[in-house]
Amino acid sequence: MQDLFTYATLGTLAGAVAATVLVVDSIKELGLLKRFSTRCLVVAVAEGIVFLADIAAGSFTVKNVPLCILNGLLVAASAMGSWQVIHDRLLGGSEKAKGG
């Protein structure tokens, strides 16, 4: 059971997206986090996951900060897109949700 998520898995786009979706879906209704838009929460969680995975892998340096930021934005965009596709397929989506 320890191989479900590893730092190597979190270092991949698919792993980081899956972790972001799971974390955001689990915490978005907690206390003060309700006040933040889901998009802002997704970006914050995605950036945190990318930075933590890079630190845990031992490859974090100051010169990698811009890459971590860009990778976090990529993970966030992918997570939002993945959630939208799943939502539309399972729930039929809504006209309000289309376009962003």
N, C-alpha and C. Protein backbone atom coordinates (compact mmCIF):
# COMPACT_ATOMS: atom_id res chain seq x y z
N MET A 1 0.80 -1.20 0.00
CA MET A 1 0.00 0.00 0.00
C MET A 1 0.85 1.27 0.00
N GLN A 2 2.13 1.17 0.20
CA GLN A 2 2.96 2.37 0.23
C GLN A 2 3.37 2.84 -1.16
N ASP A 3 3.01 2.09 -2.19
CA ASP A 3 3.39 2.48 -3.54
C ASP A 3 2.30 3.25 -4.27
N LEU A 4 1.21 3.58 -3.59
CA LEU A 4 0.16 4.32 -4.27
C LEU A 4 0.63 5.72 -4.64
N PHE A 5 1.19 6.44 -3.69
CA PHE A 5 1.81 7.73 -3.96
C PHE A 5 3.22 7.70 -3.40
N THR A 6 4.17 7.98 -4.24
CA THR A 6 5.55 8.13 -3.82
C THR A 6 6.01 9.51 -4.29
N TYR A 7 7.17 9.93 -3.81
CA TYR A 7 7.67 11.22 -4.28
C TYR A 7 8.01 11.17 -5.76
N ALA A 8 8.38 10.01 -6.25
CA ALA A 8 8.62 9.86 -7.69
C ALA A 8 7.31 10.03 -8.46
N THR A 9 6.22 9.47 -7.92
CA THR A 9 4.92 9.62 -8.56
C THR A 9 4.46 11.06 -8.54
N LEU A 10 4.65 11.73 -7.42
CA LEU A 10 4.27 13.14 -7.32
C LEU A 10 5.11 14.02 -8.24
N GLY A 11 6.25 13.54 -8.65
CA GLY A 11 7.11 14.28 -9.57
C GLY A 11 6.65 14.20 -11.01
N THR A 12 5.63 13.40 -11.29
CA THR A 12 5.09 13.31 -12.65
C THR A 12 3.84 14.16 -12.76
N LEU A 13 3.48 14.53 -13.96
CA LEU A 13 2.30 15.36 -14.16
C LEU A 13 1.05 14.61 -13.70
N ALA A 14 0.92 13.36 -14.07
CA ALA A 14 -0.27 12.59 -13.70
C ALA A 14 -0.38 12.44 -12.18
N GLY A 15 0.70 12.16 -11.52
CA GLY A 15 0.68 12.01 -10.07
C GLY A 15 0.36 13.31 -9.36
N ALA A 16 0.95 14.39 -9.82
CA ALA A 16 0.70 15.69 -9.19
C ALA A 16 -0.74 16.15 -9.43
N VAL A 17 -1.27 15.90 -10.61
CA VAL A 17 -2.66 16.25 -10.91
C VAL A 17 -3.60 15.44 -10.03
N ALA A 18 -3.38 14.14 -9.94
CA ALA A 18 -4.23 13.28 -9.12
C ALA A 18 -4.20 13.73 -7.66
N ALA A 19 -3.02 14.01 -7.14
CA ALA A 19 -2.90 14.46 -5.76
C ALA A 19 -3.58 15.80 -5.54
N THR A 20 -3.44 16.71 -6.50
CA THR A 20 -4.08 18.02 -6.39
C THR A 20 -5.59 17.90 -6.35
N VAL A 21 -6.14 17.10 -7.25
CA VAL A 21 -7.59 16.91 -7.28
C VAL A 21 -8.08 16.30 -5.97
N LEU A 22 -7.38 15.30 -5.47
CA LEU A 22 -7.79 14.65 -4.23
C LEU A 22 -7.73 15.59 -3.04
N VAL A 23 -6.63 16.34 -2.93
CA VAL A 23 -6.46 17.25 -1.79
C VAL A 23 -7.50 18.37 -1.83
N VAL A 24 -7.65 19.00 -2.99
CA VAL A 24 -8.59 20.12 -3.10
C VAL A 24 -10.01 19.64 -2.82
N ASP A 25 -10.39 18.50 -3.37
CA ASP A 25 -11.74 17.99 -3.14
C ASP A 25 -11.97 17.68 -1.66
N SER A 26 -10.92 17.31 -0.96
CA SER A 26 -11.05 16.97 0.45
C SER A 26 -11.08 18.19 1.37
N ILE A 27 -10.42 19.28 0.99
CA ILE A 27 -10.29 20.42 1.90
C ILE A 27 -11.08 21.66 1.52
N LYS A 28 -11.70 21.68 0.35
CA LYS A 28 -12.31 22.93 -0.13
C LYS A 28 -13.50 23.40 0.70
N GLU A 29 -14.10 22.53 1.50
CA GLU A 29 -15.24 22.92 2.32
C GLU A 29 -14.87 23.12 3.79
N LEU A 30 -13.58 23.15 4.11
CA LEU A 30 -13.14 23.30 5.49
C LEU A 30 -13.00 24.77 5.89
N GLY A 31 -13.58 25.13 7.00
CA GLY A 31 -13.40 26.43 7.65
C GLY A 31 -13.16 27.62 6.75
N LEU A 32 -12.01 28.24 6.91
CA LEU A 32 -11.68 29.45 6.16
C LEU A 32 -11.45 29.20 4.68
N LEU A 33 -11.19 27.95 4.30
CA LEU A 33 -10.94 27.65 2.90
C LEU A 33 -12.18 27.83 2.03
N LYS A 34 -13.36 27.83 2.65
CA LYS A 34 -14.60 28.07 1.91
C LYS A 34 -14.62 29.45 1.26
N ARG A 35 -13.90 30.38 1.87
CA ARG A 35 -13.89 31.76 1.37
C ARG A 35 -13.10 31.92 0.08
N PHE A 36 -12.16 31.03 -0.16
CA PHE A 36 -11.32 31.12 -1.35
C PHE A 36 -12.02 30.46 -2.54
N SER A 37 -11.79 31.01 -3.72
CA SER A 37 -12.35 30.36 -4.90
C SER A 37 -11.63 29.03 -5.11
N THR A 38 -12.31 28.10 -5.73
CA THR A 38 -11.72 26.79 -5.96
C THR A 38 -10.49 26.90 -6.84
N ARG A 39 -10.51 27.80 -7.80
CA ARG A 39 -9.35 27.98 -8.69
C ARG A 39 -8.12 28.42 -7.91
N CYS A 40 -8.29 29.36 -6.99
CA CYS A 40 -7.15 29.82 -6.18
C CYS A 40 -6.63 28.69 -5.30
N LEU A 41 -7.54 27.91 -4.75
CA LEU A 41 -7.16 26.79 -3.91
C LEU A 41 -6.41 25.73 -4.72
N VAL A 42 -6.86 25.48 -5.94
CA VAL A 42 -6.19 24.51 -6.81
C VAL A 42 -4.76 24.97 -7.11
N VAL A 43 -4.59 26.25 -7.44
CA VAL A 43 -3.25 26.76 -7.74
C VAL A 43 -2.35 26.65 -6.51
N ALA A 44 -2.85 27.01 -5.35
CA ALA A 44 -2.04 26.94 -4.13
C ALA A 44 -1.64 25.51 -3.80
N VAL A 45 -2.58 24.59 -3.91
CA VAL A 45 -2.28 23.18 -3.61
C VAL A 45 -1.31 22.61 -4.65
N ALA A 46 -1.54 22.92 -5.90
CA ALA A 46 -0.66 22.41 -6.96
C ALA A 46 0.77 22.93 -6.78
N GLU A 47 0.91 24.21 -6.48
CA GLU A 47 2.24 24.77 -6.25
C GLU A 47 2.90 24.10 -5.05
N GLY A 48 2.13 23.89 -3.98
CA GLY A 48 2.67 23.24 -2.80
C GLY A 48 3.14 21.82 -3.09
N ILE A 49 2.35 21.08 -3.85
CA ILE A 49 2.72 19.71 -4.19
C ILE A 49 3.98 19.68 -5.04
N VAL A 50 4.06 20.56 -6.03
CA VAL A 50 5.25 20.59 -6.90
C VAL A 50 6.50 20.96 -6.09
N PHE A 51 6.39 21.99 -5.25
CA PHE A 51 7.55 22.39 -4.45
C PHE A 51 7.96 21.29 -3.47
N LEU A 52 6.98 20.70 -2.78
CA LEU A 52 7.31 19.64 -1.82
C LEU A 52 7.90 18.41 -2.50
N ALA A 53 7.39 18.05 -3.65
CA ALA A 53 7.93 16.89 -4.37
C ALA A 53 9.37 17.17 -4.81
N ASP A 54 9.63 18.41 -5.24
CA ASP A 54 10.99 18.78 -5.66
C ASP A 54 11.94 18.78 -4.47
N ILE A 55 11.49 19.28 -3.34
CA ILE A 55 12.31 19.28 -2.12
C ILE A 55 12.57 17.86 -1.67
N ALA A 56 11.53 17.03 -1.65
CA ALA A 56 11.68 15.64 -1.21
C ALA A 56 12.59 14.83 -2.13
N ALA A 57 12.59 15.17 -3.41
CA ALA A 57 13.45 14.46 -4.36
C ALA A 57 14.90 14.89 -4.24
N GLY A 58 15.13 15.99 -3.52
CA GLY A 58 16.50 16.47 -3.32
C GLY A 58 17.04 17.29 -4.48
N SER A 59 16.16 17.71 -5.37
CA SER A 59 16.62 18.47 -6.53
C SER A 59 16.24 19.95 -6.45
N PHE A 60 15.78 20.40 -5.29
CA PHE A 60 15.37 21.80 -5.15
C PHE A 60 16.58 22.71 -5.04
N THR A 61 16.64 23.70 -5.90
CA THR A 61 17.63 24.77 -5.82
C THR A 61 16.92 26.08 -6.15
N VAL A 62 17.55 27.18 -5.83
CA VAL A 62 16.95 28.49 -6.10
C VAL A 62 16.73 28.67 -7.59
N LYS A 63 17.63 28.17 -8.41
CA LYS A 63 17.47 28.36 -9.86
C LYS A 63 16.30 27.55 -10.42
N ASN A 64 15.79 26.55 -9.66
CA ASN A 64 14.64 25.77 -10.10
C ASN A 64 13.30 26.37 -9.70
N VAL A 65 13.30 27.45 -8.94
CA VAL A 65 12.06 28.07 -8.48
C VAL A 65 11.16 28.47 -9.66
N PRO A 66 11.67 29.15 -10.69
CA PRO A 66 10.78 29.48 -11.82
C PRO A 66 10.18 28.23 -12.49
N LEU A 67 10.96 27.17 -12.58
CA LEU A 67 10.43 25.92 -13.16
C LEU A 67 9.36 25.31 -12.27
N CYS A 68 9.56 25.37 -10.96
CA CYS A 68 8.54 24.86 -10.04
C CYS A 68 7.25 25.65 -10.17
N ILE A 69 7.37 26.96 -10.30
CA ILE A 69 6.18 27.79 -10.45
C ILE A 69 5.44 27.45 -11.74
N LEU A 70 6.17 27.35 -12.84
CA LEU A 70 5.53 26.99 -14.12
C LEU A 70 4.93 25.59 -14.07
N ASN A 71 5.64 24.65 -13.46
CA ASN A 71 5.10 23.29 -13.35
C ASN A 71 3.86 23.27 -12.46
N GLY A 72 3.85 24.07 -11.41
CA GLY A 72 2.67 24.16 -10.56
C GLY A 72 1.46 24.70 -11.30
N LEU A 73 1.69 25.70 -12.15
CA LEU A 73 0.60 26.25 -12.96
C LEU A 73 0.09 25.22 -13.96
N LEU A 74 1.00 24.44 -14.54
CA LEU A 74 0.62 23.37 -15.46
C LEU A 74 -0.21 22.31 -14.74
N VAL A 75 0.21 21.93 -13.56
CA VAL A 75 -0.53 20.96 -12.76
C VAL A 75 -1.91 21.51 -12.41
N ALA A 76 -1.97 22.77 -12.01
CA ALA A 76 -3.25 23.39 -11.65
C ALA A 76 -4.20 23.42 -12.85
N ALA A 77 -3.71 23.82 -14.00
CA ALA A 77 -4.56 23.87 -15.19
C ALA A 77 -5.03 22.47 -15.57
N SER A 78 -4.16 21.51 -15.47
CA SER A 78 -4.54 20.13 -15.79
C SER A 78 -5.55 19.59 -14.79
N ALA A 79 -5.37 19.92 -13.52
CA ALA A 79 -6.30 19.46 -12.48
C ALA A 79 -7.68 20.07 -12.70
N MET A 80 -7.73 21.36 -13.01
CA MET A 80 -9.02 21.99 -13.26
C MET A 80 -9.69 21.40 -14.49
N GLY A 81 -8.92 21.15 -15.53
CA GLY A 81 -9.47 20.54 -16.74
C GLY A 81 -9.94 19.12 -16.50
N SER A 82 -9.18 18.36 -15.74
CA SER A 82 -9.57 16.98 -15.43
C SER A 82 -10.86 16.95 -14.63
N TRP A 83 -10.96 17.82 -13.65
CA TRP A 83 -12.16 17.86 -12.83
C TRP A 83 -13.37 18.25 -13.69
N GLN A 84 -13.19 19.18 -14.60
CA GLN A 84 -14.31 19.63 -15.44
C GLN A 84 -14.79 18.50 -16.35
N VAL A 85 -13.86 17.74 -16.92
CA VAL A 85 -14.23 16.62 -17.78
C VAL A 85 -14.99 15.57 -16.99
N ILE A 86 -14.49 15.24 -15.80
CA ILE A 86 -15.15 14.24 -14.96
C ILE A 86 -16.53 14.74 -14.55
N HIS A 87 -16.62 15.97 -14.15
CA HIS A 87 -17.89 16.56 -13.73
C HIS A 87 -18.90 16.52 -14.88
N ASP A 88 -18.49 16.91 -16.07
CA ASP A 88 -19.39 16.92 -17.22
C ASP A 88 -19.86 15.52 -17.58
N ARG A 89 -18.95 14.54 -17.51
CA ARG A 89 -19.31 13.16 -17.87
C ARG A 89 -20.23 12.52 -16.84
N LEU A 90 -19.94 12.74 -15.56
CA LEU A 90 -20.72 12.08 -14.52
C LEU A 90 -22.05 12.78 -14.24
N LEU A 91 -22.01 14.08 -14.24
CA LEU A 91 -23.20 14.84 -13.84
C LEU A 91 -23.89 15.53 -15.00
N GLY A 92 -23.37 15.38 -16.18
CA GLY A 92 -23.98 16.01 -17.33
C GLY A 92 -23.61 17.47 -17.49
N GLY A 93 -22.84 18.00 -16.53
CA GLY A 93 -22.40 19.39 -16.61
C GLY A 93 -23.57 20.35 -16.54
N SER A 94 -23.28 21.62 -16.66
CA SER A 94 -24.32 22.62 -16.68
C SER A 94 -23.90 23.72 -17.64
N GLU A 95 -24.83 24.44 -18.14
CA GLU A 95 -24.52 25.53 -19.07
C GLU A 95 -23.68 26.59 -18.37
N LYS A 96 -23.91 26.79 -17.08
CA LYS A 96 -23.16 27.78 -16.32
C LYS A 96 -21.69 27.43 -16.22
N ALA A 97 -21.37 26.12 -16.15
CA ALA A 97 -20.00 25.67 -15.97
C ALA A 97 -19.18 25.72 -17.25
N LYS A 98 -19.83 25.81 -18.39
CA LYS A 98 -19.11 25.78 -19.65
C LYS A 98 -18.33 27.07 -19.87
N GLY A 99 -17.16 26.94 -20.45
CA GLY A 99 -16.34 28.09 -20.77
C GLY A 99 -15.46 28.56 -19.64
N GLY A 100 -15.31 27.80 -18.60
CA GLY A 100 -14.37 28.18 -17.59
C GLY A 100 -14.86 28.21 -16.24
